Amino acid sequence: MSRYVLSLPDMTCHHCVSRITKVLEGEGLTAYRVLLEGKTVEIETEDVDAVLRSLDDAGYPGTIQEGPA
């Protein structure tokens, strides 16, 4: 598993955090942190592209800020 930090600039409230959490859980991820203050998500995944596509489909387009680590 590789560690990534994703930037999600459209994340603005706790409702967004809830929706993003559901997307991550739907991808089968268990190692993640959704950080509203920095509008970032820290994840461990083998397929970051699939995660980014799912987030985009949910209305939260993102980019890789850091990774893989």
C-alpha atoms as a PDB file:
ATOM      1  CA  MET A   1       0.000   0.000   0.000  1.00  0.00           C
ATOM      2  CA  SER A   2       1.142   3.497  -0.797  1.00  0.00           C
ATOM      3  CA  ARG A   3       0.311   6.627   1.177  1.00  0.00           C
ATOM      4  CA  TYR A   4      -1.117   9.680  -0.579  1.00  0.00           C
ATOM      5  CA  VAL A   5      -2.381  13.099   0.411  1.00  0.00           C
ATOM      6  CA  LEU A   6      -5.167  14.296  -1.852  1.00  0.00           C
ATOM      7  CA  SER A   7      -6.236  17.908  -2.174  1.00  0.00           C
ATOM      8  CA  LEU A   8     -10.025  18.335  -2.381  1.00  0.00           C
ATOM      9  CA  PRO A   9     -10.684  22.089  -2.720  1.00  0.00           C
ATOM     10  CA  ASP A  10     -14.476  21.654  -2.945  1.00  0.00           C
ATOM     11  CA  MET A  11     -14.684  20.152   0.573  1.00  0.00           C
ATOM     12  CA  THR A  12     -16.238  22.965   2.610  1.00  0.00           C
ATOM     13  CA  CYS A  13     -18.267  21.506   5.487  1.00  0.00           C
ATOM     14  CA  HIS A  14     -18.930  18.484   7.676  1.00  0.00           C
ATOM     15  CA  HIS A  15     -21.559  17.241   5.228  1.00  0.00           C
ATOM     16  CA  CYS A  16     -18.781  17.073   2.619  1.00  0.00           C
ATOM     17  CA  VAL A  17     -16.625  15.109   5.060  1.00  0.00           C
ATOM     18  CA  SER A  18     -19.471  12.621   5.533  1.00  0.00           C
ATOM     19  CA  ARG A  19     -19.959  12.147   1.777  1.00  0.00           C
ATOM     20  CA  ILE A  20     -16.223  11.765   1.170  1.00  0.00           C
ATOM     21  CA  THR A  21     -15.988   9.223   3.989  1.00  0.00           C
ATOM     22  CA  LYS A  22     -18.754   7.165   2.342  1.00  0.00           C
ATOM     23  CA  VAL A  23     -16.885   7.258  -0.977  1.00  0.00           C
ATOM     24  CA  LEU A  24     -13.667   6.064   0.677  1.00  0.00           C
ATOM     25  CA  GLU A  25     -15.472   3.272   2.509  1.00  0.00           C
ATOM     26  CA  GLY A  26     -17.155   2.314  -0.772  1.00  0.00           C
ATOM     27  CA  GLU A  27     -13.677   1.891  -2.245  1.00  0.00           C
ATOM     28  CA  GLY A  28     -12.907  -0.542   0.588  1.00  0.00           C
ATOM     29  CA  LEU A  29     -10.415   1.782   2.267  1.00  0.00           C
ATOM     30  CA  THR A  30      -9.873   1.524   6.006  1.00  0.00           C
ATOM     31  CA  ALA A  31      -6.688   3.596   6.393  1.00  0.00           C
ATOM     32  CA  TYR A  32      -7.723   7.192   5.731  1.00  0.00           C
ATOM     33  CA  ARG A  33      -8.160  10.599   7.366  1.00  0.00           C
ATOM     34  CA  VAL A  34     -10.443  13.331   6.043  1.00  0.00           C
ATOM     35  CA  LEU A  35      -9.160  16.741   7.149  1.00  0.00           C
ATOM     36  CA  LEU A  36     -11.659  19.549   6.581  1.00  0.00           C
ATOM     37  CA  GLU A  37      -9.310  22.295   7.811  1.00  0.00           C
ATOM     38  CA  GLY A  38      -6.742  21.635   5.082  1.00  0.00           C
ATOM     39  CA  LYS A  39      -9.244  20.302   2.537  1.00  0.00           C
ATOM     40  CA  THR A  40      -7.166  17.141   2.265  1.00  0.00           C
ATOM     41  CA  VAL A  41      -7.573  13.400   2.537  1.00  0.00           C
ATOM     42  CA  GLU A  42      -4.772  11.106   3.663  1.00  0.00           C
ATOM     43  CA  ILE A  43      -5.189   7.591   2.318  1.00  0.00           C
ATOM     44  CA  GLU A  44      -3.357   4.312   1.901  1.00  0.00           C
ATOM     45  CA  THR A  45      -4.276   2.598  -1.349  1.00  0.00           C
ATOM     46  CA  GLU A  46      -2.905   0.605  -4.251  1.00  0.00           C
ATOM     47  CA  ASP A  47      -5.119   2.387  -6.811  1.00  0.00           C
ATOM     48  CA  VAL A  48      -5.183   6.129  -6.211  1.00  0.00           C
ATOM     49  CA  ASP A  49      -6.636   6.736  -9.685  1.00  0.00           C
ATOM     50  CA  ALA A  50      -9.754   4.723  -8.827  1.00  0.00           C
ATOM     51  CA  VAL A  51     -10.182   6.702  -5.611  1.00  0.00           C
ATOM     52  CA  LEU A  52      -9.817  10.006  -7.484  1.00  0.00           C
ATOM     53  CA  ARG A  53     -12.415   8.880 -10.057  1.00  0.00           C
ATOM     54  CA  SER A  54     -14.891   7.931  -7.316  1.00  0.00           C
ATOM     55  CA  LEU A  55     -14.382  11.243  -5.534  1.00  0.00           C
ATOM     56  CA  ASP A  56     -14.837  13.114  -8.810  1.00  0.00           C
ATOM     57  CA  ASP A  57     -18.059  11.169  -9.506  1.00  0.00           C
ATOM     58  CA  ALA A  58     -19.318  12.238  -6.057  1.00  0.00           C
ATOM     59  CA  GLY A  59     -18.640  15.906  -6.848  1.00  0.00           C
ATOM     60  CA  TYR A  60     -15.257  16.257  -5.165  1.00  0.00           C
ATOM     61  CA  PRO A  61     -12.577  16.462  -7.835  1.00  0.00           C
ATOM     62  CA  GLY A  62      -9.122  16.168  -6.366  1.00  0.00           C
ATOM     63  CA  THR A  63      -5.451  16.066  -7.107  1.00  0.00           C
ATOM     64  CA  ILE A  64      -2.508  14.290  -5.568  1.00  0.00           C
ATOM     65  CA  GLN A  65      -0.762  16.695  -3.211  1.00  0.00           C
ATOM     66  CA  GLU A  66       1.800  14.169  -1.905  1.00  0.00           C
ATOM     67  CA  GLY A  67       2.626  10.583  -2.686  1.00  0.00           C
ATOM     68  CA  PRO A  68       3.284   7.849  -3.049  1.00  0.00           C
ATOM     69  CA  ALA A  69       5.099   7.394   0.224  1.00  0.00           C
END
